[in-house]
Amino acid sequence: MPFNEVCIYQVKPQKAEEFEALMLEARDFLESQTGLLSLRLFKRGHRIDLEQIREELPPRAITRVVKSVKYVLFWEFDTKEHYGAAQKNLYGSYWKSIEACLIVPHDKYLGERIF
């Protein structure tokens, strides 16, 4: 059963470029983890409200940073064991640098894929 993590990072606005550069640097390392099936990172850059949905309008671009720049990392592994090993590898390599960019500890959502 594939195992997933969705991680929400709230990055200090003045550290956004550093965070993106760090994640680009870490990409090859992350992609080399045993059992990795999928890896995606995106920056929240749009929002949508009920009126836009009702009117079938596209999402609006976010034009200013209020408190933090939000990023979402998604990765999926073939097993929980491979996921656990990848976490250990990440924490032993890039984690302190990532953590220095954050305003609060990251949120992690973990679970097995339903579909």
C-alpha atoms as a PDB file:
ATOM      1  CA  MET A   1       0.000   0.000   0.000  1.00  0.00           C
ATOM      2  CA  PRO A   2       1.631   3.315  -1.036  1.00  0.00           C
ATOM      3  CA  PHE A   3       2.380   5.687   1.834  1.00  0.00           C
ATOM      4  CA  ASN A   4       2.074   9.476   1.500  1.00  0.00           C
ATOM      5  CA  GLU A   5       3.242  12.642   3.202  1.00  0.00           C
ATOM      6  CA  VAL A   6       1.902  16.130   2.626  1.00  0.00           C
ATOM      7  CA  CYS A   7       4.057  18.699   4.366  1.00  0.00           C
ATOM      8  CA  ILE A   8       3.093  22.362   4.744  1.00  0.00           C
ATOM      9  CA  TYR A   9       5.961  24.817   5.162  1.00  0.00           C
ATOM     10  CA  GLN A  10       5.357  28.406   6.312  1.00  0.00           C
ATOM     11  CA  VAL A  11       8.479  30.227   5.206  1.00  0.00           C
ATOM     12  CA  LYS A  12       9.686  33.623   6.416  1.00  0.00           C
ATOM     13  CA  PRO A  13       9.112  36.053   3.516  1.00  0.00           C
ATOM     14  CA  GLN A  14      12.741  37.155   3.541  1.00  0.00           C
ATOM     15  CA  LYS A  15      13.835  33.478   3.342  1.00  0.00           C
ATOM     16  CA  ALA A  16      11.600  32.407   0.412  1.00  0.00           C
ATOM     17  CA  GLU A  17      14.351  32.592  -2.224  1.00  0.00           C
ATOM     18  CA  GLU A  18      16.765  30.748   0.078  1.00  0.00           C
ATOM     19  CA  PHE A  19      14.134  28.063   0.764  1.00  0.00           C
ATOM     20  CA  GLU A  20      13.440  27.540  -2.951  1.00  0.00           C
ATOM     21  CA  ALA A  21      17.161  27.321  -3.742  1.00  0.00           C
ATOM     22  CA  LEU A  22      17.650  24.855  -0.894  1.00  0.00           C
ATOM     23  CA  MET A  23      14.759  22.674  -2.062  1.00  0.00           C
ATOM     24  CA  LEU A  24      16.081  22.712  -5.645  1.00  0.00           C
ATOM     25  CA  GLU A  25      19.462  21.645  -4.293  1.00  0.00           C
ATOM     26  CA  ALA A  26      17.821  18.878  -2.218  1.00  0.00           C
ATOM     27  CA  ARG A  27      15.694  17.641  -5.139  1.00  0.00           C
ATOM     28  CA  ASP A  28      18.202  15.086  -6.463  1.00  0.00           C
ATOM     29  CA  PHE A  29      18.764  13.827  -2.930  1.00  0.00           C
ATOM     30  CA  LEU A  30      15.023  13.492  -2.304  1.00  0.00           C
ATOM     31  CA  GLU A  31      14.428  11.801  -5.659  1.00  0.00           C
ATOM     32  CA  SER A  32      17.167   9.247  -4.928  1.00  0.00           C
ATOM     33  CA  GLN A  33      15.375   7.821  -1.881  1.00  0.00           C
ATOM     34  CA  THR A  34      14.592   4.117  -2.073  1.00  0.00           C
ATOM     35  CA  GLY A  35      10.936   3.401  -2.814  1.00  0.00           C
ATOM     36  CA  LEU A  36      10.011   6.944  -3.864  1.00  0.00           C
ATOM     37  CA  LEU A  37       7.053   6.915  -6.262  1.00  0.00           C
ATOM     38  CA  SER A  38       6.258  10.621  -6.569  1.00  0.00           C
ATOM     39  CA  LEU A  39       7.654  13.965  -5.424  1.00  0.00           C
ATOM     40  CA  ARG A  40       6.079  17.410  -5.874  1.00  0.00           C
ATOM     41  CA  LEU A  41       6.730  20.828  -4.359  1.00  0.00           C
ATOM     42  CA  PHE A  42       4.611  23.867  -5.036  1.00  0.00           C
ATOM     43  CA  LYS A  43       4.242  27.388  -3.706  1.00  0.00           C
ATOM     44  CA  ARG A  44       0.800  28.689  -2.840  1.00  0.00           C
ATOM     45  CA  GLY A  45       0.245  31.441  -5.355  1.00  0.00           C
ATOM     46  CA  HIS A  46      -3.531  31.504  -5.868  1.00  0.00           C
ATOM     47  CA  ARG A  47      -6.772  31.408  -3.930  1.00  0.00           C
ATOM     48  CA  ILE A  48     -10.391  30.744  -4.834  1.00  0.00           C
ATOM     49  CA  ASP A  49     -13.623  31.634  -3.071  1.00  0.00           C
ATOM     50  CA  LEU A  50     -17.209  30.418  -3.372  1.00  0.00           C
ATOM     51  CA  GLU A  51     -18.245  33.246  -5.700  1.00  0.00           C
ATOM     52  CA  GLN A  52     -15.482  32.353  -8.141  1.00  0.00           C
ATOM     53  CA  ILE A  53     -16.518  28.706  -8.018  1.00  0.00           C
ATOM     54  CA  ARG A  54     -20.177  29.527  -8.646  1.00  0.00           C
ATOM     55  CA  GLU A  55     -19.245  31.784 -11.571  1.00  0.00           C
ATOM     56  CA  GLU A  56     -16.714  29.265 -12.958  1.00  0.00           C
ATOM     57  CA  LEU A  57     -13.937  31.846 -12.657  1.00  0.00           C
ATOM     58  CA  PRO A  58     -10.261  30.937 -12.391  1.00  0.00           C
ATOM     59  CA  PRO A  59      -8.413  31.271  -9.089  1.00  0.00           C
ATOM     60  CA  ARG A  60      -7.042  34.703  -8.191  1.00  0.00           C
ATOM     61  CA  ALA A  61      -3.324  35.283  -7.856  1.00  0.00           C
ATOM     62  CA  ILE A  62      -2.108  36.117  -4.372  1.00  0.00           C
ATOM     63  CA  THR A  63      -0.540  39.555  -4.657  1.00  0.00           C
ATOM     64  CA  ARG A  64       0.958  40.102  -1.218  1.00  0.00           C
ATOM     65  CA  VAL A  65       2.523  38.112   1.589  1.00  0.00           C
ATOM     66  CA  VAL A  66       0.723  38.534   4.896  1.00  0.00           C
ATOM     67  CA  LYS A  67       2.699  36.434   7.374  1.00  0.00           C
ATOM     68  CA  SER A  68       4.522  33.720   5.461  1.00  0.00           C
ATOM     69  CA  VAL A  69       5.048  32.193   2.040  1.00  0.00           C
ATOM     70  CA  LYS A  70       3.417  28.760   2.022  1.00  0.00           C
ATOM     71  CA  TYR A  71       4.845  25.728   0.259  1.00  0.00           C
ATOM     72  CA  VAL A  72       3.460  22.214  -0.008  1.00  0.00           C
ATOM     73  CA  LEU A  73       5.683  19.171  -0.419  1.00  0.00           C
ATOM     74  CA  PHE A  74       4.048  15.914  -1.465  1.00  0.00           C
ATOM     75  CA  TRP A  75       5.903  12.654  -1.645  1.00  0.00           C
ATOM     76  CA  GLU A  76       4.727   9.086  -1.957  1.00  0.00           C
ATOM     77  CA  PHE A  77       6.586   5.871  -1.172  1.00  0.00           C
ATOM     78  CA  ASP A  78       5.920   2.236  -1.913  1.00  0.00           C
ATOM     79  CA  THR A  79       6.070   1.339   1.816  1.00  0.00           C
ATOM     80  CA  LYS A  80       6.005   2.984   5.252  1.00  0.00           C
ATOM     81  CA  GLU A  81       9.447   1.533   5.910  1.00  0.00           C
ATOM     82  CA  HIS A  82      10.992   3.267   2.896  1.00  0.00           C
ATOM     83  CA  TYR A  83       9.253   6.483   3.943  1.00  0.00           C
ATOM     84  CA  GLY A  84      10.756   6.179   7.449  1.00  0.00           C
ATOM     85  CA  ALA A  85      14.256   5.635   6.044  1.00  0.00           C
ATOM     86  CA  ALA A  86      13.865   8.679   3.761  1.00  0.00           C
ATOM     87  CA  GLN A  87      12.815  10.819   6.728  1.00  0.00           C
ATOM     88  CA  LYS A  88      15.928   9.780   8.634  1.00  0.00           C
ATOM     89  CA  ASN A  89      18.061  10.657   5.606  1.00  0.00           C
ATOM     90  CA  LEU A  90      16.384  14.055   5.230  1.00  0.00           C
ATOM     91  CA  TYR A  91      16.776  14.920   8.901  1.00  0.00           C
ATOM     92  CA  GLY A  92      20.440  13.902   8.719  1.00  0.00           C
ATOM     93  CA  SER A  93      21.172  16.164   5.771  1.00  0.00           C
ATOM     94  CA  TYR A  94      18.989  19.143   4.810  1.00  0.00           C
ATOM     95  CA  TRP A  95      16.613  19.493   7.728  1.00  0.00           C
ATOM     96  CA  LYS A  96      18.437  22.130   9.824  1.00  0.00           C
ATOM     97  CA  SER A  97      18.766  24.410   6.798  1.00  0.00           C
ATOM     98  CA  ILE A  98      15.078  23.950   5.924  1.00  0.00           C
ATOM     99  CA  GLU A  99      13.998  24.583   9.506  1.00  0.00           C
ATOM    100  CA  ALA A 100      15.971  27.861   9.633  1.00  0.00           C
ATOM    101  CA  CYS A 101      13.685  29.232   6.886  1.00  0.00           C
ATOM    102  CA  LEU A 102      10.412  28.531   8.726  1.00  0.00           C
ATOM    103  CA  ILE A 103       8.352  30.787  10.975  1.00  0.00           C
ATOM    104  CA  VAL A 104       6.742  27.791  12.738  1.00  0.00           C
ATOM    105  CA  PRO A 105       7.384  24.037  12.677  1.00  0.00           C
ATOM    106  CA  HIS A 106       5.994  22.392   9.565  1.00  0.00           C
ATOM    107  CA  ASP A 107       2.704  20.462   9.477  1.00  0.00           C
ATOM    108  CA  LYS A 108       2.863  16.847   8.315  1.00  0.00           C
ATOM    109  CA  TYR A 109      -0.097  14.800   7.127  1.00  0.00           C
ATOM    110  CA  LEU A 110       0.680  11.099   6.718  1.00  0.00           C
ATOM    111  CA  GLY A 111      -1.335   8.181   5.464  1.00  0.00           C
ATOM    112  CA  GLU A 112      -1.869   5.347   3.033  1.00  0.00           C
ATOM    113  CA  ARG A 113      -3.306   6.112  -0.382  1.00  0.00           C
ATOM    114  CA  ILE A 114      -7.018   5.421  -0.831  1.00  0.00           C
ATOM    115  CA  PHE A 115      -7.087   6.067  -4.609  1.00  0.00           C
END
